[in-house]
Protein backbone atom coordinates (compact mmCIF):
# COMPACT_ATOMS: atom_id res chain seq x y z
CA MET A 1 38.37 -17.13 -20.51
CA LYS A 2 38.78 -17.65 -16.34
CA LYS A 3 40.20 -13.54 -16.69
CA LEU A 4 37.56 -12.53 -19.06
CA ILE A 5 34.74 -14.13 -16.18
CA LEU A 6 36.89 -12.59 -13.33
CA ALA A 7 37.23 -8.96 -15.18
CA SER A 8 33.76 -8.86 -15.30
CA VAL A 9 32.64 -9.85 -11.72
CA SER A 10 35.06 -7.46 -11.04
CA ALA A 11 33.73 -4.70 -12.68
CA LEU A 12 29.95 -5.30 -12.27
CA ALA A 13 31.64 -5.60 -8.25
CA LEU A 14 32.75 -2.20 -9.00
CA LEU A 15 29.42 -0.66 -10.48
CA GLY A 16 27.06 -2.11 -7.51
CA VAL A 17 29.60 -0.92 -4.83
CA ALA A 18 29.03 2.54 -6.58
CA ALA A 19 26.02 3.06 -7.29
CA CYS A 20 25.67 1.86 -3.52
CA SER A 21 27.36 4.39 -2.23
CA ASP A 22 26.69 7.59 -0.37
CA SER A 23 30.06 9.69 -0.93
CA GLY A 24 28.48 12.59 -3.30
CA THR A 25 29.07 16.26 -3.76
CA GLY A 26 27.23 17.44 -0.57
CA THR A 27 24.44 16.71 0.83
CA ASP A 28 20.81 16.78 0.04
CA LYS A 29 19.86 20.23 -0.35
CA THR A 30 16.29 19.15 -1.49
CA THR A 31 13.76 20.53 0.01
CA THR A 32 9.39 19.76 0.56
CA GLN A 33 6.72 21.77 0.29
CA SER A 34 3.22 20.81 2.27
CA THR A 35 -0.36 21.00 1.14
CA ASN A 36 -3.55 22.39 2.38
CA PRO A 37 -6.89 20.67 0.46
CA PRO A 38 -9.18 23.04 -0.56
CA ALA A 39 -11.25 25.62 1.91
CA ALA A 40 -14.15 24.57 0.08
CA GLU A 41 -13.67 21.41 0.83
CA GLN A 42 -16.10 19.99 3.59
CA PRO A 43 -16.47 16.30 5.13
CA MET A 44 -19.29 14.38 4.23
CA LYS A 45 -22.26 13.64 6.44
CA PRO A 46 -23.88 10.38 6.75
CA ALA A 47 -27.20 10.67 4.20
CA ALA A 48 -30.41 10.28 5.88
CA PRO A 49 -32.98 7.05 4.88
CA ALA A 50 -35.89 7.72 3.33
CA ASP A 51 -38.33 5.55 4.49
CA ASN A 52 -37.83 4.50 8.24
CA SER A 53 -38.95 1.66 8.06
CA THR A 54 -36.67 0.08 7.00
CA LYS A 55 -34.59 -2.48 8.93
CA PRO A 56 -31.11 -3.92 8.75
CA ALA A 57 -30.72 -7.52 8.44
CA GLU A 58 -31.34 -10.25 10.96
CA PRO A 59 -29.53 -13.68 10.79
CA ALA A 60 -31.66 -16.51 9.87
CA PRO A 61 -33.03 -18.21 13.02
CA ALA A 62 -30.78 -21.45 14.79
CA THR A 63 -32.77 -24.58 13.82
CA PRO A 64 -31.85 -27.56 14.22
CA ALA A 65 -31.06 -29.30 10.63
CA PRO A 66 -33.23 -32.81 10.44
CA ALA A 67 -31.44 -35.89 10.90
CA PRO A 68 -30.50 -38.16 8.25
CA ALA A 69 -33.08 -41.31 6.69
CA GLN A 70 -31.47 -44.24 7.80
């Protein structure tokens, strides 16, 4: 039984080394190609507000909390 376990562990270790080794039949000869965005695409401009009377939200005024009644 020990020999079977030892053989299995050895086989897994050998496969792991073979899968991770960097020795191949040569160097990697793949190339990459860059892509350009379509010419019709323009950067977006911020939308103008429809109503100029709107203001950004403001925080509530800081008022002290009332003292608890005793």
